[in-house]
Amino acid sequence: MLFTRWLLALTLASSSLAFAEGAAAKKEAAARKNEAADHYKKGVALFKEGDFASALAEFRAAYQALPSFEVLYNLGLTERRLFKYGQAVKTLNRYLDEGGKKVPAERRESVESELAQIRALTSKVLVTVEGPPAKVFVDGEEVGASPLADPVLLGPGKHTIRAARDGEPDASETFELASGSTREVNLSLKAPAGQGPVEITIETTPREAVLMLDGKLAGLSPTKVELTPGSHELIAELDGYQATRTDVVVEAGKPRTVKLKLVAGGAASGGEGGRGRFPVVGVVFFGAGVVAGGLAVLFAVQSSNASRQVSEYFRLGGPWDPMRVAVEQAGRRDQTLAGVFLGLSGAAIAGGVIATIVSLAGSADDGDAHLFLTPLQHGALATWATRF
């Protein structure tokens, strides 16, 4: 009987929640409708006043608040008045397609007449951009990414088409058009001759020194790197030798080799009287592992407490109210976090042990060892370089 009452209470609570959600959804829909109507009225008033740019912004806001094919008609006409011919054609065609049979015959005929006039006034510009996708701008306004699916429709006059891609100089072309013509624009985003990266070879005596370029790890010598023209800071370090710093001046289009001779007298790499380096990386990793382990214990305790509360709720019976749902969800979340931090703790402690061993091994007489941590986009790359 107790179980039956609990199911009935749960059903009533679910029905109340669904009713509340339905009421909230209706209220939100009404608010969006009022917002769209307000923007639409402002757009119509601005259009009649001849402020087409402001009218376009209002019509777009109305469509965003409540997408409706009727608004597309006003958007298309406004774009036509602003000489955005390509956008106007797409918008008016969308109006006819989405409206379908709902578009009155007289309105459909008017729109098709408008499209015919636009096509008669405009010219087709076929834009191609070499290489990977790039942003395409027409007279300063972005029209899409290459390759463009359709030709760009432009009216008579002077126009500029520009292509932009991250990490490369922009490419653009300016030209004049007459109505009814067709033009091809081919853009290539390539660095001017002699302005791209230059290959630099770095060598040290002795070899296998740790190289830092502009504060970032560049590997072990000898190595080849690509540097942009200008001055770059190079630091070479090797156990038992003094750290060497120099400025590498790179000239456009002139590859070169940089040779460094390291001077003995730095920290000894090991042997009689030598001392091993303090394993900083290992200690940091180990400490992080301990912290993660503490967090895992904390979340595990919280999850256990939540589990006990849920069990007590079930024992007592009664409606499964939002407070009990929140306790259950919090317990599941804490349980998940406990597992995540436990895994991180194990990985960090293991990494700390390995890093400590590597650091201590680097001070032995019979070789050198280095641990490199290189940041990547989705994590880090750990590399152990050893000389025997």
Protein backbone atom coordinates (compact mmCIF):
# COMPACT_ATOMS: atom_id res chain seq x y z
CA MET A 1 0.00 0.00 0.00
CA LEU A 2 2.85 2.34 0.84
CA PHE A 3 4.44 1.67 -2.56
CA THR A 4 1.11 2.42 -4.32
CA ARG A 5 0.75 5.77 -2.48
CA TRP A 6 4.33 6.63 -3.42
CA LEU A 7 3.65 5.94 -7.12
CA LEU A 8 0.47 8.04 -7.01
CA ALA A 9 2.33 10.95 -5.40
CA LEU A 10 5.10 10.67 -7.97
CA THR A 11 2.56 10.70 -10.82
CA LEU A 12 0.82 13.78 -9.42
CA ALA A 13 4.16 15.55 -8.95
CA SER A 14 5.19 14.72 -12.53
CA SER A 15 1.86 16.01 -13.87
CA SER A 16 2.26 19.26 -11.93
CA LEU A 17 5.80 19.67 -13.21
CA ALA A 18 4.70 19.06 -16.82
CA PHE A 19 1.88 21.61 -16.41
CA ALA A 20 4.34 24.17 -15.01
CA GLU A 21 6.75 23.57 -17.88
CA GLY A 22 3.92 23.91 -20.40
CA ALA A 23 2.82 27.20 -18.86
CA ALA A 24 6.37 28.50 -18.88
CA ALA A 25 6.78 27.52 -22.54
CA LYS A 26 3.55 29.33 -23.48
CA LYS A 27 4.68 32.41 -21.59
CA GLU A 28 8.05 32.39 -23.35
CA ALA A 29 6.38 31.92 -26.75
CA ALA A 30 4.07 34.86 -26.07
CA ALA A 31 7.04 37.03 -25.09
CA ARG A 32 8.87 36.11 -28.32
CA LYS A 33 5.76 36.90 -30.36
CA ASN A 34 5.40 40.31 -28.74
CA GLU A 35 9.10 41.04 -29.26
CA ALA A 36 8.90 40.04 -32.94
CA ALA A 37 5.78 42.18 -33.46
CA ASP A 38 7.48 45.18 -31.86
CA HIS A 39 10.57 44.90 -34.09
CA TYR A 40 8.40 44.33 -37.15
CA LYS A 41 6.33 47.50 -36.55
CA LYS A 42 9.49 49.55 -36.06
CA GLY A 43 10.95 48.10 -39.26
CA VAL A 44 7.87 49.04 -41.29
CA ALA A 45 7.95 52.61 -39.93
CA LEU A 46 11.66 53.00 -40.68
CA PHE A 47 11.20 51.58 -44.19
CA LYS A 48 8.49 54.16 -44.95
CA GLU A 49 10.83 56.90 -43.71
CA GLY A 50 13.58 55.72 -46.06
CA ASP A 51 15.95 54.57 -43.29
CA PHE A 52 16.56 51.19 -44.92
CA ALA A 53 19.67 50.25 -42.90
CA SER A 54 17.80 50.63 -39.59
CA ALA A 55 14.73 48.91 -41.04
CA LEU A 56 16.87 45.94 -42.05
CA ALA A 57 18.21 45.61 -38.50
CA GLU A 58 14.66 45.64 -37.09
CA PHE A 59 13.35 43.06 -39.58
CA ARG A 60 16.30 40.79 -38.81
CA ALA A 61 15.61 41.12 -35.07
CA ALA A 62 11.94 40.26 -35.69
CA TYR A 63 12.87 37.16 -37.67
CA GLN A 64 15.38 36.07 -35.03
CA ALA A 65 12.80 36.45 -32.26
CA LEU A 66 10.15 34.50 -34.16
CA PRO A 67 11.14 33.03 -37.56
CA SER A 68 8.27 33.52 -40.02
CA PHE A 69 8.27 33.41 -43.81
CA GLU A 70 6.21 36.64 -43.95
CA VAL A 71 9.12 38.64 -42.51
CA LEU A 72 11.39 37.33 -45.30
CA TYR A 73 9.39 39.41 -47.80
CA ASN A 74 10.18 42.63 -45.91
CA LEU A 75 13.82 41.57 -45.47
CA GLY A 76 14.21 40.93 -49.21
CA LEU A 77 12.68 44.26 -50.24
CA THR A 78 14.86 46.14 -47.73
CA GLU A 79 18.02 44.40 -48.96
CA ARG A 80 16.99 45.34 -52.50
CA ARG A 81 16.77 49.02 -51.50
CA LEU A 82 20.23 48.79 -49.93
CA PHE A 83 21.64 47.33 -53.19
CA LYS A 84 22.43 44.02 -51.47
CA TYR A 85 21.31 42.23 -54.57
CA GLY A 86 22.75 38.80 -53.83
CA GLN A 87 21.19 38.67 -50.37
CA ALA A 88 17.89 40.02 -51.69
CA VAL A 89 17.65 37.23 -54.30
CA LYS A 90 18.33 34.54 -51.68
CA THR A 91 15.87 36.02 -49.19
CA LEU A 92 13.04 36.47 -51.69
CA ASN A 93 13.54 32.95 -53.05
CA ARG A 94 13.37 31.64 -49.47
CA TYR A 95 10.15 33.60 -49.00
CA LEU A 96 8.57 31.88 -52.03
CA ASP A 97 9.89 28.42 -51.05
CA GLU A 98 8.96 28.55 -47.36
CA GLY A 99 5.65 30.28 -47.98
CA GLY A 100 4.62 27.86 -50.71
CA LYS A 101 0.85 27.91 -51.24
CA LYS A 102 0.42 30.39 -48.39
CA VAL A 103 1.86 33.14 -50.60
CA PRO A 104 -1.03 34.87 -52.45
CA ALA A 105 -0.85 34.65 -56.25
CA GLU A 106 -0.64 38.45 -56.59
CA ARG A 107 2.24 38.63 -54.07
CA ARG A 108 4.09 35.76 -55.75
CA GLU A 109 3.83 37.52 -59.11
CA SER A 110 5.15 40.73 -57.53
CA VAL A 111 8.12 38.95 -55.99
CA GLU A 112 8.99 37.15 -59.23
CA SER A 113 8.86 40.49 -61.04
CA GLU A 114 11.20 41.97 -58.42
CA LEU A 115 13.64 39.07 -58.88
CA ALA A 116 13.60 39.55 -62.68
CA GLN A 117 14.42 43.26 -62.26
CA ILE A 118 17.33 42.45 -59.92
CA ARG A 119 18.78 39.93 -62.36
CA ALA A 120 18.54 42.46 -65.18
CA LEU A 121 20.40 45.09 -63.13
CA THR A 122 23.14 42.93 -61.69
CA SER A 123 26.26 41.17 -62.83
CA LYS A 124 27.51 37.75 -61.79
CA VAL A 125 30.90 37.57 -60.13
CA LEU A 126 32.44 34.09 -59.79
CA VAL A 127 34.81 34.17 -56.81
CA THR A 128 37.43 31.47 -56.27
CA VAL A 129 40.06 31.41 -53.52
CA GLU A 130 43.08 29.12 -53.72
CA GLY A 131 43.78 26.80 -50.81
CA PRO A 132 41.71 26.01 -47.70
CA PRO A 133 38.44 27.83 -46.92
CA ALA A 134 38.74 31.58 -46.41
CA LYS A 135 36.29 34.31 -45.45
CA VAL A 136 35.04 36.32 -48.45
CA PHE A 137 34.10 40.00 -48.11
CA VAL A 138 32.29 42.09 -50.72
CA ASP A 139 32.63 45.86 -50.24
CA GLY A 140 33.59 45.25 -46.61
CA GLU A 141 30.70 42.90 -45.75
CA GLU A 142 31.22 39.16 -45.23
CA VAL A 143 29.22 37.02 -47.67
CA GLY A 144 30.46 33.56 -46.68
CA ALA A 145 33.44 31.22 -46.82
CA SER A 146 35.12 29.84 -49.91
CA PRO A 147 34.23 27.98 -51.98
CA LEU A 148 31.05 30.02 -52.47
CA ALA A 149 28.08 27.95 -53.58
CA ASP A 150 26.65 30.67 -55.86
CA PRO A 151 28.00 33.62 -57.85
CA VAL A 152 27.98 36.99 -56.12
CA LEU A 153 25.39 39.37 -57.61
CA LEU A 154 26.57 42.98 -57.77
CA GLY A 155 25.11 46.12 -59.29
CA PRO A 156 26.90 48.49 -61.67
CA GLY A 157 29.82 50.45 -60.24
CA LYS A 158 33.08 49.93 -58.38
CA HIS A 159 33.46 46.97 -56.01
CA THR A 160 36.15 45.31 -53.89
CA ILE A 161 36.28 41.61 -53.09
CA ARG A 162 38.62 40.49 -50.31
CA ALA A 163 39.57 37.06 -48.95
CA ALA A 164 40.98 36.53 -45.45
CA ARG A 165 42.47 33.47 -43.77
CA ASP A 166 44.09 33.19 -40.34
CA GLY A 167 47.88 33.38 -40.42
CA GLU A 168 48.07 34.66 -44.02
CA PRO A 169 47.96 38.13 -45.60
CA ASP A 170 44.63 39.15 -47.13
CA ALA A 171 44.11 39.13 -50.88
CA SER A 172 41.74 41.54 -52.64
CA GLU A 173 40.74 42.79 -56.07
CA THR A 174 38.94 46.04 -56.99
CA PHE A 175 37.07 46.41 -60.27
CA GLU A 176 34.16 48.15 -62.02
CA LEU A 177 31.08 46.40 -63.36
CA ALA A 178 28.42 47.16 -65.92
CA SER A 179 24.96 45.60 -65.58
CA GLY A 180 24.35 42.22 -67.16
CA SER A 181 28.01 41.16 -67.31
CA THR A 182 29.92 38.22 -65.83
CA ARG A 183 33.34 38.41 -64.20
CA GLU A 184 35.72 35.92 -62.59
CA VAL A 185 37.80 36.86 -59.55
CA ASN A 186 40.62 34.53 -58.50
CA LEU A 187 42.33 35.33 -55.19
CA SER A 188 45.49 33.74 -53.82
CA LEU A 189 46.46 34.22 -50.17
CA LYS A 190 50.20 33.74 -50.26
CA ALA A 191 52.96 35.54 -48.46
CA PRO A 192 54.98 37.85 -50.75
CA ALA A 193 58.25 36.38 -51.98
CA GLY A 194 60.86 36.40 -49.26
CA GLN A 195 58.39 37.23 -46.45
CA GLY A 196 57.58 33.71 -45.21
CA PRO A 197 59.33 31.67 -42.50
CA VAL A 198 63.04 30.96 -42.98
CA GLU A 199 64.70 27.64 -42.15
CA ILE A 200 67.42 28.00 -39.52
CA THR A 201 69.76 25.17 -38.51
CA ILE A 202 71.04 25.24 -34.93
CA GLU A 203 74.18 23.29 -33.95
CA THR A 204 76.03 23.17 -30.64
CA THR A 205 79.35 21.79 -29.44
CA PRO A 206 78.89 19.44 -27.67
CA ARG A 207 75.67 18.13 -29.13
CA GLU A 208 72.30 17.40 -27.47
CA ALA A 209 72.01 20.72 -25.67
CA VAL A 210 68.51 21.81 -24.68
CA LEU A 211 67.40 24.68 -26.96
CA MET A 212 64.94 27.43 -26.04
CA LEU A 213 63.71 29.88 -28.70
CA ASP A 214 61.85 32.97 -27.57
CA GLY A 215 61.06 31.23 -24.29
CA LYS A 216 59.70 28.04 -25.88
CA LEU A 217 61.31 24.61 -26.10
CA ALA A 218 62.83 23.96 -29.53
CA GLY A 219 64.29 20.49 -28.87
CA LEU A 220 67.84 19.14 -28.68
CA SER A 221 70.69 20.23 -30.89
CA PRO A 222 71.28 19.82 -33.73
CA THR A 223 67.86 20.77 -35.06
CA LYS A 224 66.15 22.77 -37.78
CA VAL A 225 63.45 25.36 -37.09
CA GLU A 226 61.44 27.82 -39.17
CA LEU A 227 61.57 31.41 -37.93
CA THR A 228 59.96 34.59 -39.18
CA PRO A 229 62.26 37.43 -40.24
CA GLY A 230 63.49 39.46 -37.29
CA SER A 231 65.40 38.89 -34.06
CA HIS A 232 64.89 35.81 -31.87
CA GLU A 233 66.38 34.84 -28.50
CA LEU A 234 68.22 31.50 -28.41
CA ILE A 235 69.35 29.81 -25.18
CA ALA A 236 71.33 26.54 -25.09
CA GLU A 237 71.77 24.56 -21.85
CA LEU A 238 73.65 21.33 -21.10
CA ASP A 239 74.65 19.74 -17.82
CA GLY A 240 78.26 20.52 -16.97
CA TYR A 241 78.36 23.60 -19.23
CA GLN A 242 77.46 27.23 -18.84
CA ALA A 243 74.13 28.31 -20.31
CA THR A 244 74.70 30.23 -23.54
CA ARG A 245 72.39 32.98 -24.82
CA THR A 246 72.49 34.71 -28.19
CA ASP A 247 70.24 36.69 -30.53
CA VAL A 248 69.48 35.06 -33.87
CA VAL A 249 68.79 37.65 -36.56
CA VAL A 250 66.75 36.16 -39.42
CA GLU A 251 66.75 37.84 -42.80
CA ALA A 252 63.91 37.28 -45.26
CA GLY A 253 64.67 34.54 -47.77
CA LYS A 254 68.12 33.74 -46.30
CA PRO A 255 68.41 30.35 -44.55
CA ARG A 256 71.44 30.06 -42.27
CA THR A 257 73.20 27.87 -39.71
CA VAL A 258 73.77 29.05 -36.14
CA LYS A 259 76.70 27.37 -34.33
CA LEU A 260 77.22 27.65 -30.58
CA LYS A 261 80.21 26.40 -28.57
CA LEU A 262 79.32 25.75 -24.96
CA VAL A 263 81.88 26.56 -22.25
CA ALA A 264 82.50 23.98 -19.54
CA GLY A 265 82.03 25.04 -15.94
CA GLY A 266 78.31 24.83 -15.27
CA ALA A 267 76.55 22.46 -12.91
CA ALA A 268 78.24 19.05 -12.95
CA SER A 269 76.29 16.23 -14.48
CA GLY A 270 77.39 13.76 -11.81
CA GLY A 271 80.49 11.85 -10.72
CA GLU A 272 82.65 12.24 -7.68
CA GLY A 273 81.62 15.22 -5.65
CA GLY A 274 78.73 15.97 -7.97
CA ARG A 275 75.17 16.41 -6.72
CA GLY A 276 71.93 15.49 -8.46
CA ARG A 277 69.48 18.19 -9.41
CA PHE A 278 66.38 18.71 -7.28
CA PRO A 279 63.48 16.93 -9.06
CA VAL A 280 61.21 19.98 -9.39
CA VAL A 281 58.95 18.46 -12.04
CA GLY A 282 58.56 15.26 -10.07
CA VAL A 283 57.68 17.09 -6.87
CA VAL A 284 55.12 19.27 -8.68
CA PHE A 285 53.46 16.25 -10.30
CA PHE A 286 53.48 14.32 -7.02
CA GLY A 287 51.98 17.29 -5.15
CA ALA A 288 49.28 17.68 -7.79
CA GLY A 289 48.50 13.98 -7.43
CA VAL A 290 48.13 14.31 -3.66
CA VAL A 291 45.79 17.30 -4.08
CA ALA A 292 43.71 15.41 -6.66
CA GLY A 293 43.57 12.44 -4.30
CA GLY A 294 42.31 14.66 -1.50
CA LEU A 295 39.58 16.01 -3.75
CA ALA A 296 38.65 12.45 -4.75
CA VAL A 297 38.24 11.53 -1.08
CA LEU A 298 36.17 14.67 -0.45
CA PHE A 299 33.77 13.99 -3.32
CA ALA A 300 33.57 10.30 -2.35
CA VAL A 301 32.52 11.25 1.20
CA GLN A 302 29.90 13.70 -0.14
CA SER A 303 28.60 11.03 -2.54
CA SER A 304 28.34 8.52 0.31
CA ASN A 305 26.40 11.00 2.45
CA ALA A 306 24.00 11.70 -0.42
CA SER A 307 23.53 7.96 -0.95
CA ARG A 308 22.59 7.51 2.70
CA GLN A 309 20.09 10.37 2.48
CA VAL A 310 18.46 8.87 -0.63
CA SER A 311 18.20 5.47 1.08
CA GLU A 312 16.55 7.15 4.08
CA TYR A 313 14.09 8.94 1.76
CA PHE A 314 13.11 5.64 0.18
CA ARG A 315 12.63 4.08 3.60
CA LEU A 316 10.36 6.88 4.78
CA GLY A 317 8.36 7.00 1.53
CA GLY A 318 6.37 10.07 0.55
CA PRO A 319 6.54 12.26 -2.60
CA TRP A 320 9.81 12.44 -4.48
CA ASP A 321 10.02 16.24 -4.33
CA PRO A 322 12.61 18.52 -6.03
CA MET A 323 14.75 18.60 -2.88
CA ARG A 324 15.17 14.82 -2.94
CA VAL A 325 15.85 14.87 -6.65
CA ALA A 326 18.57 17.49 -6.06
CA VAL A 327 20.19 15.33 -3.35
CA GLU A 328 20.23 12.32 -5.68
CA GLN A 329 21.69 14.33 -8.59
CA ALA A 330 24.34 15.89 -6.34
CA GLY A 331 25.33 12.42 -5.14
CA ARG A 332 25.74 11.14 -8.69
CA ARG A 333 27.76 14.22 -9.65
CA ASP A 334 30.06 13.82 -6.62
CA GLN A 335 30.50 10.14 -7.42
CA THR A 336 31.58 11.00 -10.98
CA LEU A 337 33.97 13.73 -9.78
CA ALA A 338 35.47 11.34 -7.23
CA GLY A 339 36.29 8.88 -10.02
CA VAL A 340 37.75 11.61 -12.24
CA PHE A 341 40.00 13.04 -9.53
CA LEU A 342 41.05 9.55 -8.46
CA GLY A 343 42.22 8.85 -12.01
CA LEU A 344 44.00 12.20 -12.20
CA SER A 345 45.64 11.52 -8.85
CA GLY A 346 47.00 8.17 -9.96
CA ALA A 347 48.29 9.60 -13.25
CA ALA A 348 49.92 12.61 -11.57
CA ILE A 349 51.60 10.54 -8.84
CA ALA A 350 52.89 8.06 -11.43
CA GLY A 351 54.17 10.96 -13.55
CA GLY A 352 55.84 12.46 -10.49
CA VAL A 353 57.65 9.21 -9.72
CA ILE A 354 58.81 8.85 -13.33
CA ALA A 355 59.92 12.49 -13.50
CA THR A 356 61.86 12.11 -10.24
CA ILE A 357 63.64 9.00 -11.50
CA VAL A 358 64.49 10.69 -14.78
CA SER A 359 65.76 13.81 -13.02
CA LEU A 360 67.99 11.80 -10.68
CA ALA A 361 69.21 9.63 -13.55
CA GLY A 362 70.29 12.79 -15.35
CA SER A 363 73.03 13.33 -12.74
CA ALA A 364 74.72 9.97 -13.26
CA ASP A 365 78.26 9.60 -14.60
CA ASP A 366 77.35 7.33 -17.47
CA GLY A 367 74.96 9.61 -19.34
CA ASP A 368 72.56 12.55 -19.42
CA ALA A 369 68.79 12.43 -19.23
CA HIS A 370 66.20 15.15 -19.90
CA LEU A 371 62.43 15.28 -19.48
CA PHE A 372 60.64 17.65 -21.85
CA LEU A 373 57.00 18.72 -21.44
CA THR A 374 55.70 20.26 -24.66
CA PRO A 375 52.21 21.91 -24.48
CA LEU A 376 49.81 20.71 -27.15
CA GLN A 377 46.30 21.80 -28.16
CA HIS A 378 44.62 19.04 -26.18
CA GLY A 379 47.18 18.26 -23.47
CA ALA A 380 50.94 17.89 -23.30
CA LEU A 381 53.67 15.68 -24.79
CA ALA A 382 56.22 14.19 -22.39
CA THR A 383 59.60 13.29 -23.98
CA TRP A 384 62.58 11.63 -22.25
CA ALA A 385 65.88 12.14 -24.05
CA THR A 386 68.87 10.13 -22.75
CA ARG A 387 72.49 9.98 -23.87
CA PHE A 388 74.51 6.81 -23.10
